[in-house]
Amino acid sequence: MTALVTRFGGRPGGADRPAGPTAWLYALAILSLLSFPAPVSAQIFGDRPAPVPPSAVPMPQGVGNGAINLAPSSGPASAPSLPPSILSPSTSAQSAPTAATPPAAVPPSTNQAVLALSAKFGKDLPNVTGGVVWRVYTDRPDAGGTFRMLREERSPTPNIVLPPGSYVVHASLGLASAVRPVTLRQETTREQFEIPAGGLRIEGRVGTTRIPSGQVTFNIYKGSQFDAIERAPIAQNVPSGDVALIPEGTYYIISNYGDGNSVVRSDIRVQAGKLTDVTVTHRAALIVLKLVSEHGGEALANTSWSVLTPGGDIVKESIGAFPRVVLAEGQYRAIARYEGRVYERSFDVVNGVDGEIEVLSR
């Protein structure tokens, strides 16, 4: 099994706490708790330099228009691993985002200030033009130890009106994020964040044939597959063709084609501000099993099936007249159990050659 990394489209940048001058440091530490939360063959970059991509990460033109898909769309890895008090602020704090104030707006009164926010992919890199989620928190926890969220904005360059004071601002772009304490006075305060996120888009192939998105999924892990560290995936079951926005760095992908044993691991690199297109090549085929009384005969229902390797390891078990299984290229034994009797047949799987395997019930 091999993985092919192609040239692509896209580089980056509890308990109560006492109030006091250093309270914002505590808030910053809490908000910064971001975490990213086997054997088969693979192809990796090794010591080769990262490819130079020709285009930048595509950004959405508006919220909710489906122009870009962040992966995963649900599950524990769908948001940064912030403390529960940050992820689940009180209902009163979850007010609707305030409308953006024009860039040249003046605070409506002497008791308010304007926080003008923007983001870029890194130093000397382009501005982020969409997909950013901004959250403004109090700079110290309340009596219950919760940092209360005051505002949430999804405009790329929001202007947020707040009373003068100290706050903590968290900006997220997919699974990449940045956090910073800010102090507002009776004037406009401009803050530009660097969010070194890159895009990753993956597809699977068998030979030159693209695997349909519903038949192949990808799990993304931080680091290399050869690191002697057990990790949880930062994104699970990423569909083929979706764009995952993740921090720049080295990652490895585990690609699963079907629910058999066609699994490929691939090391890749993601650059901030760039879209990396990866093609993972599986050497496998789709096999349909049939228990028949004669060649070309009707399949017998309620048959129990086991597919084994030559060494006796079970690859797949199922019940039915026409079980389908994706198998990696190689040799197998199909064992059928029907009405108390056992039948079997050895067969080979050839890369890219789908087919039916008949087992005779005699």
Protein backbone atom coordinates (compact mmCIF):
# COMPACT_ATOMS: atom_id res chain seq x y z
CA MET A 1 0.00 0.00 0.00
CA THR A 2 1.40 3.38 -0.87
CA ALA A 3 0.46 6.98 -0.42
CA LEU A 4 1.10 9.65 -3.05
CA VAL A 5 1.43 13.25 -1.91
CA THR A 6 0.83 15.52 -4.89
CA ARG A 7 1.72 19.13 -5.53
CA PHE A 8 -1.01 21.24 -4.18
CA GLY A 9 -2.71 24.49 -3.82
CA GLY A 10 -1.00 26.20 -1.00
CA ARG A 11 2.37 28.34 3.39
CA PRO A 12 1.72 30.31 7.11
CA GLY A 13 2.19 32.26 11.12
CA GLY A 14 -11.74 25.29 38.56
CA ALA A 15 -11.15 26.86 41.61
CA ASP A 16 -11.66 30.53 42.34
CA ARG A 17 -8.69 32.74 41.62
CA PRO A 18 -7.98 35.99 43.38
CA ALA A 19 -8.44 39.13 41.34
CA GLY A 20 -5.42 41.24 40.75
CA PRO A 21 -3.02 42.67 38.18
CA THR A 22 -1.97 39.19 37.09
CA ALA A 23 -5.48 37.84 36.63
CA TRP A 24 -5.26 38.18 32.86
CA LEU A 25 -2.20 35.89 32.92
CA TYR A 26 -4.33 33.20 34.49
CA ALA A 27 -6.99 33.76 31.88
CA LEU A 28 -4.41 33.54 29.13
CA ALA A 29 -3.06 30.27 30.53
CA ILE A 30 -6.53 28.75 30.70
CA LEU A 31 -7.47 29.85 27.18
CA SER A 32 -4.15 28.56 25.83
CA LEU A 33 -4.88 24.94 26.82
CA LEU A 34 -5.19 23.71 23.24
CA SER A 35 -4.39 20.04 22.70
CA PHE A 36 -4.32 17.72 19.80
CA PRO A 37 -5.90 15.44 21.73
CA ALA A 38 -1.17 0.08 14.48
CA PRO A 39 0.79 -1.74 11.27
CA VAL A 40 0.47 -1.08 7.57
CA SER A 41 2.75 0.18 4.83
CA ALA A 42 3.10 3.86 4.02
CA GLN A 43 5.04 6.41 2.03
CA ILE A 44 6.41 9.50 3.79
CA PHE A 45 8.21 12.69 2.97
CA GLY A 46 11.35 11.60 4.80
CA ASP A 47 14.04 14.24 4.37
CA ARG A 48 12.62 15.67 1.18
CA PRO A 49 11.71 19.37 1.34
CA ALA A 50 8.04 20.30 1.44
CA PRO A 51 6.54 20.99 -2.00
CA VAL A 52 6.07 24.61 -2.99
CA PRO A 53 2.34 25.09 -3.50
CA PRO A 54 0.98 27.44 -6.16
CA SER A 55 -2.09 28.85 -4.42
CA ALA A 56 -3.41 30.03 -1.10
CA VAL A 57 -6.05 28.52 1.14
CA PRO A 58 -9.52 29.20 -0.30
CA MET A 59 -11.56 31.20 2.20
CA PRO A 60 -15.34 31.42 2.45
CA GLN A 61 -17.05 34.47 0.98
CA GLY A 62 -19.66 34.49 3.69
CA VAL A 63 -20.74 32.64 6.80
CA GLY A 64 -22.77 29.50 6.17
CA ASN A 65 -22.43 29.46 2.38
CA GLY A 66 -20.63 26.09 2.32
CA ALA A 67 -17.64 27.51 0.44
CA ILE A 68 -15.27 25.67 2.77
CA ASN A 69 -15.76 22.67 5.04
CA LEU A 70 -13.92 22.49 8.33
CA ALA A 71 -13.19 18.97 9.45
CA PRO A 72 -14.56 17.34 11.39
CA SER A 73 -18.08 18.75 11.43
CA SER A 74 -18.85 17.09 14.75
CA GLY A 75 -17.23 15.13 17.54
CA PRO A 76 -14.70 15.89 20.27
CA ALA A 77 -12.06 17.18 17.86
CA SER A 78 -14.35 19.73 16.25
CA ALA A 79 -13.25 22.53 18.61
CA PRO A 80 -10.05 23.45 20.47
CA SER A 81 -9.69 21.58 23.77
CA LEU A 82 -10.49 24.50 26.02
CA PRO A 83 -11.67 23.94 29.60
CA PRO A 84 -15.38 23.10 29.98
CA SER A 85 -16.02 26.48 31.56
CA ILE A 86 -14.89 28.14 28.33
CA LEU A 87 -16.66 25.72 25.99
CA SER A 88 -19.92 25.97 27.93
CA PRO A 89 -20.37 29.55 29.09
CA SER A 90 -23.50 30.57 30.92
CA THR A 91 -26.65 31.12 28.86
CA SER A 92 -26.58 34.80 29.57
CA ALA A 93 -23.17 35.07 27.93
CA GLN A 94 -24.33 33.42 24.70
CA SER A 95 -25.92 36.51 23.30
CA ALA A 96 -26.19 37.03 19.56
CA PRO A 97 -23.10 38.56 17.95
CA THR A 98 -23.20 42.31 17.84
CA ALA A 99 -23.31 44.02 14.48
CA ALA A 100 -19.96 45.23 13.19
CA THR A 101 -19.30 48.91 13.61
CA PRO A 102 -17.98 50.83 10.58
CA PRO A 103 -14.17 51.03 10.56
CA ALA A 104 -14.11 54.72 11.39
CA ALA A 105 -16.74 54.44 14.12
CA VAL A 106 -16.33 56.47 17.28
CA PRO A 107 -17.44 54.95 20.60
CA PRO A 108 -21.03 56.08 21.25
CA SER A 109 -20.14 57.43 24.67
CA THR A 110 -17.21 58.07 26.94
CA ASN A 111 -18.09 54.82 28.74
CA GLN A 112 -17.43 52.66 25.68
CA ALA A 113 -14.48 51.74 23.46
CA VAL A 114 -14.04 49.97 20.12
CA LEU A 115 -11.99 46.79 19.69
CA ALA A 116 -11.03 46.40 16.01
CA LEU A 117 -9.87 42.84 15.24
CA SER A 118 -8.19 41.25 12.24
CA ALA A 119 -6.09 38.17 11.54
CA LYS A 120 -3.37 37.01 9.20
CA PHE A 121 -1.80 33.63 8.56
CA GLY A 122 1.57 34.76 9.90
CA LYS A 123 4.25 37.39 9.59
CA ASP A 124 4.55 38.56 5.98
CA LEU A 125 1.60 36.34 5.02
CA PRO A 126 -1.86 37.29 3.71
CA ASN A 127 -4.79 38.39 5.83
CA VAL A 128 -7.45 35.86 6.76
CA THR A 129 -10.57 36.87 4.86
CA GLY A 130 -13.12 34.51 6.36
CA GLY A 131 -13.86 31.59 8.65
CA VAL A 132 -12.54 33.19 11.86
CA VAL A 133 -14.55 32.85 15.07
CA TRP A 134 -13.78 35.61 17.57
CA ARG A 135 -14.69 35.27 21.26
CA VAL A 136 -14.17 37.91 23.93
CA TYR A 137 -14.01 36.80 27.57
CA THR A 138 -13.69 38.46 30.92
CA ASP A 139 -10.09 38.68 32.07
CA ARG A 140 -10.74 36.87 35.33
CA PRO A 141 -13.01 34.00 36.39
CA ASP A 142 -16.25 34.55 38.25
CA ALA A 143 -17.07 33.04 41.65
CA GLY A 144 -17.68 29.66 39.98
CA GLY A 145 -14.29 29.65 38.23
CA THR A 146 -15.79 30.37 34.80
CA PHE A 147 -14.39 32.85 32.31
CA ARG A 148 -17.59 34.37 31.00
CA MET A 149 -17.89 34.92 27.26
CA LEU A 150 -19.06 38.44 26.47
CA ARG A 151 -19.10 38.52 22.65
CA GLU A 152 -18.82 36.16 19.70
CA GLU A 153 -18.20 37.45 16.17
CA ARG A 154 -17.70 35.68 12.84
CA SER A 155 -16.78 38.63 10.67
CA PRO A 156 -13.13 38.55 9.49
CA THR A 157 -12.62 42.15 10.74
CA PRO A 158 -15.16 42.89 13.46
CA ASN A 159 -15.36 46.13 15.42
CA ILE A 160 -16.67 45.29 18.88
CA VAL A 161 -18.00 47.96 21.26
CA LEU A 162 -17.18 47.27 24.90
CA PRO A 163 -16.70 49.26 28.11
CA PRO A 164 -13.06 50.23 28.76
CA GLY A 165 -11.22 47.53 30.68
CA SER A 166 -9.24 44.32 30.36
CA TYR A 167 -10.38 41.29 28.36
CA VAL A 168 -9.11 38.06 26.82
CA VAL A 169 -9.68 37.53 23.07
CA HIS A 170 -9.66 34.06 21.52
CA ALA A 171 -9.56 33.64 17.72
CA SER A 172 -10.04 30.27 16.02
CA LEU A 173 -9.75 29.23 12.39
CA GLY A 174 -10.71 25.59 12.05
CA LEU A 175 -8.49 23.75 14.53
CA ALA A 176 -5.91 26.56 14.71
CA SER A 177 -6.25 29.35 17.24
CA ALA A 178 -4.59 32.25 19.02
CA VAL A 179 -5.33 33.99 22.32
CA ARG A 180 -4.32 37.39 23.70
CA PRO A 181 -5.16 39.69 26.61
CA VAL A 182 -6.23 43.19 25.56
CA THR A 183 -6.88 46.42 27.42
CA LEU A 184 -9.41 48.91 26.06
CA ARG A 185 -9.45 52.61 26.77
CA GLN A 186 -11.80 55.33 25.57
CA GLU A 187 -10.61 55.05 22.00
CA THR A 188 -10.28 52.47 19.22
CA THR A 189 -7.86 49.64 19.96
CA ARG A 190 -6.65 47.65 16.97
CA GLU A 191 -5.40 44.08 17.43
CA GLN A 192 -4.12 41.83 14.64
CA PHE A 193 -3.75 38.12 15.43
CA GLU A 194 -1.50 35.62 13.69
CA ILE A 195 -3.23 32.27 13.15
CA PRO A 196 -0.78 29.94 11.37
CA ALA A 197 -3.38 27.66 9.81
CA GLY A 198 -3.09 25.70 6.60
CA GLY A 199 -5.64 23.75 4.61
CA LEU A 200 -5.51 20.00 4.08
CA ARG A 201 -7.67 18.26 1.46
CA ILE A 202 -7.40 14.49 0.98
CA GLU A 203 -8.75 11.99 -1.50
CA GLY A 204 -8.27 8.25 -1.93
CA ARG A 205 -7.60 6.31 -5.11
CA VAL A 206 -7.21 2.74 -6.29
CA GLY A 207 -4.91 2.96 -9.28
CA THR A 208 -6.22 5.91 -11.27
CA THR A 209 -9.81 5.54 -9.98
CA ARG A 210 -11.00 7.95 -7.32
CA ILE A 211 -12.65 6.27 -4.32
CA PRO A 212 -16.13 7.78 -3.67
CA SER A 213 -16.18 9.98 -0.59
CA GLY A 214 -18.63 7.73 1.24
CA GLN A 215 -16.29 4.74 1.02
CA VAL A 216 -13.06 6.24 2.37
CA THR A 217 -12.36 8.32 5.49
CA PHE A 218 -9.27 9.86 7.02
CA ASN A 219 -8.05 10.40 10.58
CA ILE A 220 -5.45 13.13 11.09
CA TYR A 221 -2.79 12.92 13.81
CA LYS A 222 -0.14 15.38 14.97
CA GLY A 223 3.48 14.39 14.32
CA SER A 224 4.87 11.40 12.43
CA GLN A 225 3.56 7.84 12.33
CA PHE A 226 7.03 6.74 13.47
CA ASP A 227 6.98 8.81 16.69
CA ALA A 228 6.95 6.50 19.70
CA ILE A 229 4.02 8.40 21.21
CA GLU A 230 0.40 7.31 21.43
CA ARG A 231 -1.85 10.14 20.22
CA ALA A 232 -5.51 10.82 19.79
CA PRO A 233 -6.52 12.12 16.35
CA ILE A 234 -7.07 15.86 16.01
CA ALA A 235 -9.74 15.15 13.37
CA GLN A 236 -11.66 11.91 12.78
CA ASN A 237 -13.55 10.48 9.82
CA VAL A 238 -12.69 13.42 7.58
CA PRO A 239 -14.59 12.92 4.29
CA SER A 240 -12.77 12.85 0.98
CA GLY A 241 -12.57 16.29 -0.62
CA ASP A 242 -13.33 18.31 2.53
CA VAL A 243 -10.87 21.00 3.61
CA ALA A 244 -9.52 20.71 7.16
CA LEU A 245 -7.99 23.91 8.56
CA ILE A 246 -5.25 22.90 10.99
CA PRO A 247 -2.12 24.49 12.49
CA GLU A 248 0.96 24.36 10.30
CA GLY A 249 3.23 21.42 11.03
CA THR A 250 3.85 17.73 10.39
CA TYR A 251 0.97 15.28 10.54
CA TYR A 252 0.19 11.72 9.57
CA ILE A 253 -3.00 10.44 8.01
CA ILE A 254 -4.60 7.05 8.54
CA SER A 255 -6.79 6.30 5.53
CA ASN A 256 -9.49 3.61 5.78
CA TYR A 257 -11.06 2.32 2.57
CA GLY A 258 -14.18 0.34 3.44
CA ASP A 259 -14.40 -1.59 6.69
CA GLY A 260 -11.94 -4.36 5.86
CA ASN A 261 -8.16 -4.21 6.07
CA SER A 262 -7.32 -1.61 3.42
CA VAL A 263 -5.52 0.91 5.61
CA VAL A 264 -2.74 3.30 4.55
CA ARG A 265 -0.63 5.64 6.72
CA SER A 266 0.99 8.73 5.21
CA ASP A 267 3.16 11.48 6.67
CA ILE A 268 2.45 14.98 5.31
CA ARG A 269 3.38 18.61 5.99
CA VAL A 270 0.99 21.54 6.18
CA GLN A 271 2.11 25.14 5.61
CA ALA A 272 0.35 28.19 6.98
CA GLY A 273 -1.78 30.01 4.44
CA LYS A 274 -1.50 27.17 1.92
CA LEU A 275 -3.80 24.37 0.79
CA THR A 276 -2.14 20.95 0.66
CA ASP A 277 -3.79 18.40 -1.63
CA VAL A 278 -2.95 14.79 -0.74
CA THR A 279 -3.82 11.68 -2.71
CA VAL A 280 -3.66 8.40 -0.80
CA THR A 281 -3.37 5.33 -3.00
CA HIS A 282 -4.85 2.04 -1.77
CA ARG A 283 -4.01 -1.34 -3.26
CA ALA A 284 -7.31 -3.11 -2.77
CA ALA A 285 -10.53 -4.32 -4.38
CA LEU A 286 -14.22 -4.70 -3.53
CA ILE A 287 -15.22 -8.36 -3.15
CA VAL A 288 -18.75 -9.80 -3.01
CA LEU A 289 -19.10 -13.25 -1.40
CA LYS A 290 -21.74 -15.84 -2.41
CA LEU A 291 -22.52 -19.33 -1.16
CA VAL A 292 -24.07 -21.28 -4.04
CA SER A 293 -25.07 -24.87 -4.70
CA GLU A 294 -23.59 -24.70 -8.21
CA HIS A 295 -21.51 -22.25 -10.26
CA GLY A 296 -23.64 -19.26 -11.22
CA GLY A 297 -26.43 -20.40 -8.91
CA GLU A 298 -28.57 -18.37 -6.54
CA ALA A 299 -26.87 -17.16 -3.36
CA LEU A 300 -28.05 -18.83 -0.15
CA ALA A 301 -29.44 -16.41 2.45
CA ASN A 302 -28.61 -16.38 6.17
CA THR A 303 -25.05 -17.48 5.57
CA SER A 304 -22.44 -16.61 8.19
CA TRP A 305 -19.13 -15.49 6.69
CA SER A 306 -15.55 -15.12 7.88
CA VAL A 307 -12.69 -13.82 5.77
CA LEU A 308 -9.27 -14.87 7.02
CA THR A 309 -5.66 -14.23 6.06
CA PRO A 310 -3.45 -17.26 5.23
CA GLY A 311 -2.17 -17.02 8.83
CA GLY A 312 -5.68 -17.38 10.23
CA ASP A 313 -6.31 -13.77 11.27
CA ILE A 314 -9.95 -12.73 10.88
CA VAL A 315 -10.34 -9.73 8.57
CA LYS A 316 -14.14 -9.51 8.33
CA GLU A 317 -17.19 -11.32 9.67
CA SER A 318 -20.74 -10.85 8.41
CA ILE A 319 -24.09 -12.52 7.79
CA GLY A 320 -26.03 -12.43 4.53
CA ALA A 321 -26.38 -13.70 1.01
CA PHE A 322 -24.17 -11.05 -0.64
CA PRO A 323 -21.72 -9.57 1.91
CA ARG A 324 -19.41 -6.94 0.45
CA VAL A 325 -15.93 -6.31 1.81
CA VAL A 326 -12.99 -4.17 0.70
CA LEU A 327 -9.80 -6.19 1.01
CA ALA A 328 -6.19 -5.21 0.59
CA GLU A 329 -4.29 -6.93 -2.19
CA GLY A 330 -3.28 -10.43 -1.12
CA GLN A 331 -4.43 -13.98 -0.38
CA TYR A 332 -7.46 -14.93 1.74
CA ARG A 333 -9.77 -17.75 2.77
CA ALA A 334 -13.56 -17.35 2.75
CA ILE A 335 -15.40 -19.56 5.26
CA ALA A 336 -19.17 -19.92 4.94
CA ARG A 337 -21.39 -21.49 7.64
CA TYR A 338 -24.86 -22.56 6.54
CA GLU A 339 -27.34 -24.82 8.33
CA GLY A 340 -24.69 -26.32 10.59
CA ARG A 341 -22.19 -27.07 7.83
CA VAL A 342 -18.95 -25.27 6.95
CA TYR A 343 -17.63 -24.54 3.44
CA GLU A 344 -14.51 -22.67 2.44
CA ARG A 345 -12.47 -21.43 -0.49
CA SER A 346 -9.12 -19.73 -0.94
CA PHE A 347 -8.93 -16.74 -3.25
CA ASP A 348 -6.64 -13.88 -4.30
CA VAL A 349 -7.41 -10.17 -4.33
CA VAL A 350 -5.78 -8.25 -7.19
CA ASN A 351 -5.36 -4.50 -6.88
CA GLY A 352 -8.24 -2.63 -8.53
CA VAL A 353 -10.02 -5.80 -9.72
CA ASP A 354 -13.45 -5.94 -8.05
CA GLY A 355 -15.34 -9.19 -8.31
CA GLU A 356 -17.48 -12.00 -6.86
CA ILE A 357 -16.16 -15.03 -4.99
CA GLU A 358 -18.42 -18.09 -5.13
CA VAL A 359 -18.15 -20.77 -2.46
CA LEU A 360 -19.80 -24.09 -3.38
CA SER A 361 -22.02 -25.68 -0.75
CA ARG A 362 -20.77 -29.20 -1.48
